[in-house]
Amino acid sequence: MARDSRDLQRLIEELAALSPEERARVIDQVTKSERFRPLPKDFALPVLKGGTRWIGGDLRREDIYGDDGR
């Protein structure tokens, strides 16, 4: 399990270094794991009104509206 972003980056690099066959085997084993929960079939990324799809980032009021007191 990735405990922080460095661990996650290490896991990403290790997965990328695998051959396609090894990668397929790892993904197959993960999807059969009891701890793996796939996204619901009706899952859709949230769309902000008047904008585009949310691709990540902070959604705090101060970050969205700035410092104009809204």
PDB file of N, CA and C in Angstrom:
ATOM      1  N   MET A   1       0.847  -1.170   0.000  1.00  0.00           N
ATOM      2  CA  MET A   1       0.000   0.000   0.000  1.00  0.00           C
ATOM      3  C   MET A   1       0.892   1.233   0.000  1.00  0.00           C
ATOM      4  N   ALA A   2       0.497   2.245  -0.737  1.00  0.00           N
ATOM      5  CA  ALA A   2       1.249   3.496  -0.794  1.00  0.00           C
ATOM      6  C   ALA A   2       0.910   4.339   0.425  1.00  0.00           C
ATOM      7  N   ARG A   3       1.905   4.632   1.217  1.00  0.00           N
ATOM      8  CA  ARG A   3       1.696   5.418   2.427  1.00  0.00           C
ATOM      9  C   ARG A   3       1.824   6.911   2.163  1.00  0.00           C
ATOM     10  N   ASP A   4       2.544   7.272   1.136  1.00  0.00           N
ATOM     11  CA  ASP A   4       2.661   8.679   0.761  1.00  0.00           C
ATOM     12  C   ASP A   4       2.928   8.764  -0.744  1.00  0.00           C
ATOM     13  N   SER A   5       3.102   9.967  -1.253  1.00  0.00           N
ATOM     14  CA  SER A   5       3.248  10.147  -2.694  1.00  0.00           C
ATOM     15  C   SER A   5       4.517   9.494  -3.234  1.00  0.00           C
ATOM     16  N   ARG A   6       5.579   9.398  -2.415  1.00  0.00           N
ATOM     17  CA  ARG A   6       6.803   8.740  -2.885  1.00  0.00           C
ATOM     18  C   ARG A   6       6.567   7.246  -3.076  1.00  0.00           C
ATOM     19  N   ASP A   7       5.827   6.637  -2.129  1.00  0.00           N
ATOM     20  CA  ASP A   7       5.503   5.218  -2.275  1.00  0.00           C
ATOM     21  C   ASP A   7       4.636   4.982  -3.507  1.00  0.00           C
ATOM     22  N   LEU A   8       3.677   5.869  -3.726  1.00  0.00           N
ATOM     23  CA  LEU A   8       2.804   5.732  -4.892  1.00  0.00           C
ATOM     24  C   LEU A   8       3.614   5.868  -6.169  1.00  0.00           C
ATOM     25  N   GLN A   9       4.532   6.816  -6.219  1.00  0.00           N
ATOM     26  CA  GLN A   9       5.374   6.996  -7.403  1.00  0.00           C
ATOM     27  C   GLN A   9       6.228   5.757  -7.660  1.00  0.00           C
ATOM     28  N   ARG A  10       6.763   5.161  -6.588  1.00  0.00           N
ATOM     29  CA  ARG A  10       7.564   3.946  -6.724  1.00  0.00           C
ATOM     30  C   ARG A  10       6.720   2.813  -7.305  1.00  0.00           C
ATOM     31  N   LEU A  11       5.476   2.678  -6.809  1.00  0.00           N
ATOM     32  CA  LEU A  11       4.588   1.635  -7.329  1.00  0.00           C
ATOM     33  C   LEU A  11       4.261   1.866  -8.804  1.00  0.00           C
ATOM     34  N   ILE A  12       4.062   3.119  -9.169  1.00  0.00           N
ATOM     35  CA  ILE A  12       3.774   3.459 -10.572  1.00  0.00           C
ATOM     36  C   ILE A  12       4.948   3.060 -11.459  1.00  0.00           C
ATOM     37  N   GLU A  13       6.148   3.398 -11.012  1.00  0.00           N
ATOM     38  CA  GLU A  13       7.338   3.070 -11.802  1.00  0.00           C
ATOM     39  C   GLU A  13       7.534   1.561 -11.913  1.00  0.00           C
ATOM     40  N   GLU A  14       7.275   0.836 -10.828  1.00  0.00           N
ATOM     41  CA  GLU A  14       7.421  -0.617 -10.876  1.00  0.00           C
ATOM     42  C   GLU A  14       6.396  -1.232 -11.814  1.00  0.00           C
ATOM     43  N   LEU A  15       5.167  -0.752 -11.784  1.00  0.00           N
ATOM     44  CA  LEU A  15       4.140  -1.273 -12.690  1.00  0.00           C
ATOM     45  C   LEU A  15       4.492  -0.959 -14.138  1.00  0.00           C
ATOM     46  N   ALA A  16       4.994   0.236 -14.389  1.00  0.00           N
ATOM     47  CA  ALA A  16       5.367   0.619 -15.756  1.00  0.00           C
ATOM     48  C   ALA A  16       6.533  -0.210 -16.275  1.00  0.00           C
ATOM     49  N   ALA A  17       7.405  -0.685 -15.373  1.00  0.00           N
ATOM     50  CA  ALA A  17       8.575  -1.459 -15.781  1.00  0.00           C
ATOM     51  C   ALA A  17       8.239  -2.915 -16.105  1.00  0.00           C
ATOM     52  N   LEU A  18       7.057  -3.370 -15.752  1.00  0.00           N
ATOM     53  CA  LEU A  18       6.672  -4.753 -16.013  1.00  0.00           C
ATOM     54  C   LEU A  18       6.407  -4.966 -17.498  1.00  0.00           C
ATOM     55  N   SER A  19       6.574  -6.208 -17.925  1.00  0.00           N
ATOM     56  CA  SER A  19       6.205  -6.551 -19.301  1.00  0.00           C
ATOM     57  C   SER A  19       4.673  -6.521 -19.405  1.00  0.00           C
ATOM     58  N   PRO A  20       4.128  -6.425 -20.600  1.00  0.00           N
ATOM     59  CA  PRO A  20       2.666  -6.434 -20.737  1.00  0.00           C
ATOM     60  C   PRO A  20       2.016  -7.669 -20.112  1.00  0.00           C
ATOM     61  N   GLU A  21       2.674  -8.812 -20.216  1.00  0.00           N
ATOM     62  CA  GLU A  21       2.115 -10.033 -19.638  1.00  0.00           C
ATOM     63  C   GLU A  21       2.103  -9.954 -18.109  1.00  0.00           C
ATOM     64  N   GLU A  22       3.210  -9.480 -17.538  1.00  0.00           N
ATOM     65  CA  GLU A  22       3.279  -9.350 -16.079  1.00  0.00           C
ATOM     66  C   GLU A  22       2.268  -8.319 -15.580  1.00  0.00           C
ATOM     67  N   ARG A  23       2.148  -7.209 -16.310  1.00  0.00           N
ATOM     68  CA  ARG A  23       1.194  -6.168 -15.934  1.00  0.00           C
ATOM     69  C   ARG A  23      -0.230  -6.709 -15.967  1.00  0.00           C
ATOM     70  N   ALA A  24      -0.567  -7.483 -16.992  1.00  0.00           N
ATOM     71  CA  ALA A  24      -1.907  -8.067 -17.097  1.00  0.00           C
ATOM     72  C   ALA A  24      -2.163  -9.021 -15.936  1.00  0.00           C
ATOM     73  N   ARG A  25      -1.146  -9.777 -15.550  1.00  0.00           N
ATOM     74  CA  ARG A  25      -1.300 -10.704 -14.429  1.00  0.00           C
ATOM     75  C   ARG A  25      -1.534  -9.948 -13.119  1.00  0.00           C
ATOM     76  N   VAL A  26      -0.794  -8.858 -12.921  1.00  0.00           N
ATOM     77  CA  VAL A  26      -0.984  -8.054 -11.703  1.00  0.00           C
ATOM     78  C   VAL A  26      -2.390  -7.467 -11.667  1.00  0.00           C
ATOM     79  N   ILE A  27      -2.834  -6.900 -12.770  1.00  0.00           N
ATOM     80  CA  ILE A  27      -4.169  -6.288 -12.824  1.00  0.00           C
ATOM     81  C   ILE A  27      -5.246  -7.341 -12.612  1.00  0.00           C
ATOM     82  N   ASP A  28      -5.055  -8.523 -13.172  1.00  0.00           N
ATOM     83  CA  ASP A  28      -6.010  -9.614 -12.975  1.00  0.00           C
ATOM     84  C   ASP A  28      -6.114  -9.991 -11.501  1.00  0.00           C
ATOM     85  N   GLN A  29      -4.970 -10.095 -10.832  1.00  0.00           N
ATOM     86  CA  GLN A  29      -4.971 -10.447  -9.411  1.00  0.00           C
ATOM     87  C   GLN A  29      -5.607  -9.354  -8.562  1.00  0.00           C
ATOM     88  N   VAL A  30      -5.359  -8.097  -8.914  1.00  0.00           N
ATOM     89  CA  VAL A  30      -5.939  -6.986  -8.152  1.00  0.00           C
ATOM     90  C   VAL A  30      -7.454  -6.981  -8.280  1.00  0.00           C
ATOM     91  N   THR A  31      -7.956  -7.179  -9.479  1.00  0.00           N
ATOM     92  CA  THR A  31      -9.409  -7.138  -9.672  1.00  0.00           C
ATOM     93  C   THR A  31     -10.117  -8.303  -9.000  1.00  0.00           C
ATOM     94  N   LYS A  32      -9.396  -9.375  -8.710  1.00  0.00           N
ATOM     95  CA  LYS A  32      -9.989 -10.512  -8.004  1.00  0.00           C
ATOM     96  C   LYS A  32      -9.896 -10.362  -6.493  1.00  0.00           C
ATOM     97  N   SER A  33      -9.161  -9.368  -6.033  1.00  0.00           N
ATOM     98  CA  SER A  33      -8.977  -9.145  -4.601  1.00  0.00           C
ATOM     99  C   SER A  33     -10.282  -8.690  -3.956  1.00  0.00           C
ATOM    100  N   GLU A  34     -10.494  -9.107  -2.719  1.00  0.00           N
ATOM    101  CA  GLU A  34     -11.702  -8.707  -1.992  1.00  0.00           C
ATOM    102  C   GLU A  34     -11.687  -7.223  -1.646  1.00  0.00           C
ATOM    103  N   ARG A  35     -10.493  -6.629  -1.570  1.00  0.00           N
ATOM    104  CA  ARG A  35     -10.373  -5.213  -1.201  1.00  0.00           C
ATOM    105  C   ARG A  35     -10.581  -4.283  -2.389  1.00  0.00           C
ATOM    106  N   PHE A  36     -10.577  -4.815  -3.607  1.00  0.00           N
ATOM    107  CA  PHE A  36     -10.741  -3.997  -4.808  1.00  0.00           C
ATOM    108  C   PHE A  36     -12.213  -3.676  -5.018  1.00  0.00           C
ATOM    109  N   ARG A  37     -12.509  -2.404  -5.120  1.00  0.00           N
ATOM    110  CA  ARG A  37     -13.885  -1.985  -5.401  1.00  0.00           C
ATOM    111  C   ARG A  37     -13.887  -1.137  -6.667  1.00  0.00           C
ATOM    112  N   PRO A  38     -14.389  -1.668  -7.770  1.00  0.00           N
ATOM    113  CA  PRO A  38     -14.417  -0.869  -9.006  1.00  0.00           C
ATOM    114  C   PRO A  38     -15.421   0.271  -8.882  1.00  0.00           C
ATOM    115  N   LEU A  39     -15.252   1.260  -9.741  1.00  0.00           N
ATOM    116  CA  LEU A  39     -16.203   2.373  -9.759  1.00  0.00           C
ATOM    117  C   LEU A  39     -17.571   1.869 -10.203  1.00  0.00           C
ATOM    118  N   PRO A  40     -18.642   2.462  -9.679  1.00  0.00           N
ATOM    119  CA  PRO A  40     -19.987   2.064 -10.131  1.00  0.00           C
ATOM    120  C   PRO A  40     -20.142   2.290 -11.632  1.00  0.00           C
ATOM    121  N   LYS A  41     -20.959   1.479 -12.267  1.00  0.00           N
ATOM    122  CA  LYS A  41     -21.143   1.597 -13.711  1.00  0.00           C
ATOM    123  C   LYS A  41     -21.692   2.954 -14.127  1.00  0.00           C
ATOM    124  N   ASP A  42     -22.466   3.602 -13.258  1.00  0.00           N
ATOM    125  CA  ASP A  42     -23.049   4.902 -13.601  1.00  0.00           C
ATOM    126  C   ASP A  42     -22.177   6.071 -13.139  1.00  0.00           C
ATOM    127  N   PHE A  43     -20.913   5.821 -12.749  1.00  0.00           N
ATOM    128  CA  PHE A  43     -20.036   6.876 -12.272  1.00  0.00           C
ATOM    129  C   PHE A  43     -19.675   7.816 -13.412  1.00  0.00           C
ATOM    130  N   ALA A  44     -19.729   9.096 -13.121  1.00  0.00           N
ATOM    131  CA  ALA A  44     -19.310  10.119 -14.078  1.00  0.00           C
ATOM    132  C   ALA A  44     -18.566  11.205 -13.312  1.00  0.00           C
ATOM    133  N   LEU A  45     -17.542  11.746 -13.932  1.00  0.00           N
ATOM    134  CA  LEU A  45     -16.820  12.839 -13.297  1.00  0.00           C
ATOM    135  C   LEU A  45     -17.764  14.024 -13.112  1.00  0.00           C
ATOM    136  N   PRO A  46     -17.663  14.729 -11.992  1.00  0.00           N
ATOM    137  CA  PRO A  46     -18.543  15.879 -11.793  1.00  0.00           C
ATOM    138  C   PRO A  46     -18.225  16.990 -12.785  1.00  0.00           C
ATOM    139  N   VAL A  47     -19.268  17.659 -13.259  1.00  0.00           N
ATOM    140  CA  VAL A  47     -19.111  18.791 -14.172  1.00  0.00           C
ATOM    141  C   VAL A  47     -19.577  20.037 -13.439  1.00  0.00           C
ATOM    142  N   LEU A  48     -18.684  20.995 -13.325  1.00  0.00           N
ATOM    143  CA  LEU A  48     -19.043  22.240 -12.664  1.00  0.00           C
ATOM    144  C   LEU A  48     -19.859  23.101 -13.612  1.00  0.00           C
ATOM    145  N   LYS A  49     -20.878  23.761 -13.087  1.00  0.00           N
ATOM    146  CA  LYS A  49     -21.746  24.591 -13.907  1.00  0.00           C
ATOM    147  C   LYS A  49     -20.934  25.686 -14.596  1.00  0.00           C
ATOM    148  N   GLY A  50     -21.084  25.762 -15.900  1.00  0.00           N
ATOM    149  CA  GLY A  50     -20.398  26.794 -16.654  1.00  0.00           C
ATOM    150  C   GLY A  50     -18.940  26.497 -16.930  1.00  0.00           C
ATOM    151  N   GLY A  51     -18.487  25.319 -16.542  1.00  0.00           N
ATOM    152  CA  GLY A  51     -17.076  25.014 -16.738  1.00  0.00           C
ATOM    153  C   GLY A  51     -16.887  23.693 -17.452  1.00  0.00           C
ATOM    154  N   THR A  52     -15.718  23.159 -17.280  1.00  0.00           N
ATOM    155  CA  THR A  52     -15.397  21.880 -17.893  1.00  0.00           C
ATOM    156  C   THR A  52     -15.301  20.823 -16.811  1.00  0.00           C
ATOM    157  N   ARG A  53     -14.914  19.628 -17.180  1.00  0.00           N
ATOM    158  CA  ARG A  53     -14.787  18.542 -16.216  1.00  0.00           C
ATOM    159  C   ARG A  53     -13.724  18.862 -15.186  1.00  0.00           C
ATOM    160  N   TRP A  54     -13.979  18.456 -13.955  1.00  0.00           N
ATOM    161  CA  TRP A  54     -13.021  18.646 -12.878  1.00  0.00           C
ATOM    162  C   TRP A  54     -11.904  17.636 -13.049  1.00  0.00           C
ATOM    163  N   ILE A  55     -10.666  18.104 -13.091  1.00  0.00           N
ATOM    164  CA  ILE A  55      -9.527  17.201 -13.287  1.00  0.00           C
ATOM    165  C   ILE A  55      -8.654  17.145 -12.045  1.00  0.00           C
ATOM    166  N   GLY A  56      -9.179  17.602 -10.945  1.00  0.00           N
ATOM    167  CA  GLY A  56      -8.444  17.542  -9.691  1.00  0.00           C
ATOM    168  C   GLY A  56      -8.098  18.927  -9.205  1.00  0.00           C
ATOM    169  N   GLY A  57      -7.665  18.990  -8.005  1.00  0.00           N
ATOM    170  CA  GLY A  57      -7.305  20.270  -7.420  1.00  0.00           C
ATOM    171  C   GLY A  57      -8.213  20.595  -6.260  1.00  0.00           C
ATOM    172  N   ASP A  58      -7.865  21.636  -5.593  1.00  0.00           N
ATOM    173  CA  ASP A  58      -8.579  22.030  -4.385  1.00  0.00           C
ATOM    174  C   ASP A  58      -9.895  22.722  -4.730  1.00  0.00           C
ATOM    175  N   LEU A  59     -10.938  22.392  -4.001  1.00  0.00           N
ATOM    176  CA  LEU A  59     -12.245  23.015  -4.226  1.00  0.00           C
ATOM    177  C   LEU A  59     -12.659  23.860  -3.030  1.00  0.00           C
ATOM    178  N   ARG A  60     -11.675  24.377  -2.290  1.00  0.00           N
ATOM    179  CA  ARG A  60     -12.016  25.237  -1.162  1.00  0.00           C
ATOM    180  C   ARG A  60     -12.593  26.557  -1.679  1.00  0.00           C
ATOM    181  N   ARG A  61     -13.489  27.138  -0.902  1.00  0.00           N
ATOM    182  CA  ARG A  61     -14.127  28.391  -1.284  1.00  0.00           C
ATOM    183  C   ARG A  61     -13.100  29.472  -1.636  1.00  0.00           C
ATOM    184  N   GLU A  62     -12.049  29.571  -0.830  1.00  0.00           N
ATOM    185  CA  GLU A  62     -11.041  30.605  -1.064  1.00  0.00           C
ATOM    186  C   GLU A  62     -10.323  30.396  -2.399  1.00  0.00           C
ATOM    187  N   ASP A  63     -10.119  29.141  -2.776  1.00  0.00           N
ATOM    188  CA  ASP A  63      -9.425  28.863  -4.028  1.00  0.00           C
ATOM    189  C   ASP A  63     -10.318  29.084  -5.239  1.00  0.00           C
ATOM    190  N   ILE A  64     -11.611  28.858  -5.076  1.00  0.00           N
ATOM    191  CA  ILE A  64     -12.537  29.037  -6.202  1.00  0.00           C
ATOM    192  C   ILE A  64     -12.842  30.518  -6.430  1.00  0.00           C
ATOM    193  N   TYR A  65     -13.163  31.237  -5.348  1.00  0.00           N
ATOM    194  CA  TYR A  65     -13.609  32.623  -5.484  1.00  0.00           C
ATOM    195  C   TYR A  65     -12.543  33.652  -5.213  1.00  0.00           C
ATOM    196  N   GLY A  66     -11.392  33.229  -4.708  1.00  0.00           N
ATOM    197  CA  GLY A  66     -10.363  34.210  -4.366  1.00  0.00           C
ATOM    198  C   GLY A  66     -10.710  34.886  -3.058  1.00  0.00           C
ATOM    199  N   ASP A  67     -10.252  36.083  -2.880  1.00  0.00           N
ATOM    200  CA  ASP A  67     -10.412  36.782  -1.612  1.00  0.00           C
ATOM    201  C   ASP A  67     -11.416  37.932  -1.723  1.00  0.00           C
ATOM    202  N   ASP A  68     -12.484  37.747  -2.503  1.00  0.00           N
ATOM    203  CA  ASP A  68     -13.448  38.832  -2.657  1.00  0.00           C
ATOM    204  C   ASP A  68     -14.636  38.709  -1.721  1.00  0.00           C
ATOM    205  N   GLY A  69     -14.563  37.839  -0.719  1.00  0.00           N
ATOM    206  CA  GLY A  69     -15.581  37.781   0.322  1.00  0.00           C
ATOM    207  C   GLY A  69     -16.837  37.016  -0.003  1.00  0.00           C
ATOM    208  N   ARG A  70     -16.879  36.286  -1.068  1.00  0.00           N
ATOM    209  CA  ARG A  70     -18.077  35.519  -1.369  1.00  0.00           C
ATOM    210  C   ARG A  70     -18.254  34.387  -0.412  1.00  0.00           C
TER     211      ARG A  70
END
